[in-house]
């Protein structure tokens, strides 16, 4: 196989790599733990925002009801005024037409 004897490979590299693994694993676990804490904080913020959004949606629903009621009321009032103005114009035209016919 290889002509290089195994004893010629420096033994100092292997233990340093092996001793490096537990510290690297500890560092990665620490990083995952901090990311999990950050995710938990963000989920808590999201939950609070969703709760506020639900309250605001109910308020918007109420405001929509008020706006619709005001629209219907204004349409009813303006509709009555238009009908009253139309009746007054028709009566005025009728009276004016009758006067014109009677004067002849």
C-alpha atoms as a PDB file:
ATOM      1  CA  UNK A   1       0.000   0.000   0.000  1.00  0.00           C
ATOM      2  CA  UNK A   2       1.634   3.226   1.018  1.00  0.00           C
ATOM      3  CA  UNK A   3       5.355   3.319   1.600  1.00  0.00           C
ATOM      4  CA  UNK A   4       4.958   5.951   4.323  1.00  0.00           C
ATOM      5  CA  UNK A   5       4.880   4.329   7.722  1.00  0.00           C
ATOM      6  CA  UNK A   6       2.049   5.260  10.063  1.00  0.00           C
ATOM      7  CA  UNK A   7       4.415   6.329  12.733  1.00  0.00           C
ATOM      8  CA  UNK A   8       5.575   9.210  10.560  1.00  0.00           C
ATOM      9  CA  UNK A   9       2.127  10.942  10.756  1.00  0.00           C
ATOM     10  CA  UNK A  10       2.392  13.522  13.521  1.00  0.00           C
ATOM     11  CA  UNK A  11       0.412  12.429  16.563  1.00  0.00           C
ATOM     12  CA  UNK A  12      -0.179  16.037  17.663  1.00  0.00           C
ATOM     13  CA  UNK A  13      -2.765  16.694  14.918  1.00  0.00           C
ATOM     14  CA  UNK A  14      -5.078  13.850  15.842  1.00  0.00           C
ATOM     15  CA  UNK A  15      -5.550  14.699  19.531  1.00  0.00           C
ATOM     16  CA  UNK A  16      -6.064  18.382  18.740  1.00  0.00           C
ATOM     17  CA  UNK A  17      -8.814  17.510  16.265  1.00  0.00           C
ATOM     18  CA  UNK A  18     -10.448  15.211  18.766  1.00  0.00           C
ATOM     19  CA  UNK A  19     -10.218  17.743  21.567  1.00  0.00           C
ATOM     20  CA  UNK A  20     -11.628  20.356  19.189  1.00  0.00           C
ATOM     21  CA  UNK A  21     -14.837  18.370  18.606  1.00  0.00           C
ATOM     22  CA  UNK A  22     -16.351  18.713  22.090  1.00  0.00           C
ATOM     23  CA  UNK A  23     -15.677  22.457  22.194  1.00  0.00           C
ATOM     24  CA  UNK A  24     -17.124  22.879  18.709  1.00  0.00           C
ATOM     25  CA  UNK A  25     -20.183  20.866  19.690  1.00  0.00           C
ATOM     26  CA  UNK A  26     -20.570  22.973  22.840  1.00  0.00           C
ATOM     27  CA  UNK A  27     -20.298  26.161  20.776  1.00  0.00           C
ATOM     28  CA  UNK A  28     -22.914  24.914  18.289  1.00  0.00           C
ATOM     29  CA  UNK A  29     -25.282  23.891  21.088  1.00  0.00           C
ATOM     30  CA  UNK A  30     -24.843  27.282  22.698  1.00  0.00           C
ATOM     31  CA  UNK A  31     -25.608  28.969  19.370  1.00  0.00           C
ATOM     32  CA  UNK A  32     -28.719  26.797  18.890  1.00  0.00           C
ATOM     33  CA  UNK A  33     -29.847  27.641  22.410  1.00  0.00           C
ATOM     34  CA  UNK A  34     -29.526  31.376  21.730  1.00  0.00           C
ATOM     35  CA  UNK A  35     -31.408  30.995  18.448  1.00  0.00           C
ATOM     36  CA  UNK A  36     -34.175  29.079  20.233  1.00  0.00           C
ATOM     37  CA  UNK A  37     -34.438  31.836  22.831  1.00  0.00           C
ATOM     38  CA  UNK A  38     -34.675  34.429  20.056  1.00  0.00           C
ATOM     39  CA  UNK A  39     -37.331  32.368  18.256  1.00  0.00           C
ATOM     40  CA  UNK A  40     -39.332  32.055  21.470  1.00  0.00           C
ATOM     41  CA  UNK A  41     -39.176  35.831  21.980  1.00  0.00           C
ATOM     42  CA  UNK A  42     -40.301  36.459  18.401  1.00  0.00           C
ATOM     43  CA  UNK A  43     -43.169  33.985  18.760  1.00  0.00           C
ATOM     44  CA  UNK A  44     -44.290  35.785  21.912  1.00  0.00           C
ATOM     45  CA  UNK A  45     -44.196  39.116  20.064  1.00  0.00           C
ATOM     46  CA  UNK A  46     -46.168  37.601  17.188  1.00  0.00           C
ATOM     47  CA  UNK A  47     -48.786  36.262  19.585  1.00  0.00           C
ATOM     48  CA  UNK A  48     -49.215  39.723  21.150  1.00  0.00           C
ATOM     49  CA  UNK A  49     -49.455  41.350  17.712  1.00  0.00           C
ATOM     50  CA  UNK A  50     -52.088  38.837  16.613  1.00  0.00           C
ATOM     51  CA  UNK A  51     -54.080  39.520  19.755  1.00  0.00           C
ATOM     52  CA  UNK A  52     -53.976  43.278  19.056  1.00  0.00           C
ATOM     53  CA  UNK A  53     -54.916  42.685  15.411  1.00  0.00           C
ATOM     54  CA  UNK A  54     -57.975  40.699  16.482  1.00  0.00           C
ATOM     55  CA  UNK A  55     -59.096  43.546  18.757  1.00  0.00           C
ATOM     56  CA  UNK A  56     -58.525  46.086  15.989  1.00  0.00           C
ATOM     57  CA  UNK A  57     -60.453  43.937  13.500  1.00  0.00           C
ATOM     58  CA  UNK A  58     -63.462  43.921  15.837  1.00  0.00           C
ATOM     59  CA  UNK A  59     -63.199  47.717  16.156  1.00  0.00           C
ATOM     60  CA  UNK A  60     -62.992  48.080  12.378  1.00  0.00           C
ATOM     61  CA  UNK A  61     -66.084  45.917  12.064  1.00  0.00           C
ATOM     62  CA  UNK A  62     -67.936  48.275  14.417  1.00  0.00           C
ATOM     63  CA  UNK A  63     -66.728  51.322  12.489  1.00  0.00           C
ATOM     64  CA  UNK A  64     -67.890  49.710   9.260  1.00  0.00           C
ATOM     65  CA  UNK A  65     -71.349  49.250  10.769  1.00  0.00           C
ATOM     66  CA  UNK A  66     -71.476  52.902  11.808  1.00  0.00           C
ATOM     67  CA  UNK A  67     -70.319  54.075   8.379  1.00  0.00           C
ATOM     68  CA  UNK A  68     -72.911  51.871   6.668  1.00  0.00           C
ATOM     69  CA  UNK A  69     -75.663  53.170   8.928  1.00  0.00           C
ATOM     70  CA  UNK A  70     -74.663  56.765   8.215  1.00  0.00           C
ATOM     71  CA  UNK A  71     -74.605  56.047   4.487  1.00  0.00           C
ATOM     72  CA  UNK A  72     -78.083  54.518   4.574  1.00  0.00           C
ATOM     73  CA  UNK A  73     -79.419  57.390   6.695  1.00  0.00           C
ATOM     74  CA  UNK A  74     -77.940  60.020   4.397  1.00  0.00           C
ATOM     75  CA  UNK A  75     -79.287  58.213   1.333  1.00  0.00           C
ATOM     76  CA  UNK A  76     -82.724  58.110   2.955  1.00  0.00           C
ATOM     77  CA  UNK A  77     -82.627  61.823   3.816  1.00  0.00           C
ATOM     78  CA  UNK A  78     -81.313  62.841   0.414  1.00  0.00           C
ATOM     79  CA  UNK A  79     -83.843  60.545  -1.240  1.00  0.00           C
ATOM     80  CA  UNK A  80     -86.700  62.184   0.654  1.00  0.00           C
ATOM     81  CA  UNK A  81     -85.445  65.662  -0.277  1.00  0.00           C
ATOM     82  CA  UNK A  82     -85.216  64.641  -3.921  1.00  0.00           C
ATOM     83  CA  UNK A  83     -88.733  63.247  -3.827  1.00  0.00           C
ATOM     84  CA  UNK A  84     -90.039  66.397  -2.112  1.00  0.00           C
ATOM     85  CA  UNK A  85     -88.235  68.613  -4.643  1.00  0.00           C
ATOM     86  CA  UNK A  86     -89.608  66.505  -7.475  1.00  0.00           C
ATOM     87  CA  UNK A  87     -93.176  66.752  -6.110  1.00  0.00           C
ATOM     88  CA  UNK A  88     -92.819  70.525  -5.732  1.00  0.00           C
ATOM     89  CA  UNK A  89     -91.553  70.900  -9.296  1.00  0.00           C
ATOM     90  CA  UNK A  90     -94.325  68.726 -10.673  1.00  0.00           C
ATOM     91  CA  UNK A  91     -96.955  70.705  -8.769  1.00  0.00           C
ATOM     92  CA  UNK A  92     -95.411  73.971  -9.909  1.00  0.00           C
ATOM     93  CA  UNK A  93     -95.407  72.813 -13.514  1.00  0.00           C
ATOM     94  CA  UNK A  94     -98.970  71.645 -13.195  1.00  0.00           C
ATOM     95  CA  UNK A  95    -100.113  74.939 -11.729  1.00  0.00           C
ATOM     96  CA  UNK A  96     -98.153  76.899 -14.278  1.00  0.00           C
ATOM     97  CA  UNK A  97     -99.620  74.878 -17.103  1.00  0.00           C
ATOM     98  CA  UNK A  98    -103.138  75.334 -15.791  1.00  0.00           C
ATOM     99  CA  UNK A  99    -102.687  79.083 -15.438  1.00  0.00           C
ATOM    100  CA  UNK A 100    -101.433  79.304 -18.960  1.00  0.00           C
ATOM    101  CA  UNK A 101    -104.485  77.420 -20.226  1.00  0.00           C
ATOM    102  CA  UNK A 102    -106.948  79.434 -18.131  1.00  0.00           C
ATOM    103  CA  UNK A 103    -105.523  82.749 -19.277  1.00  0.00           C
ATOM    104  CA  UNK A 104    -106.260  81.991 -22.923  1.00  0.00           C
END
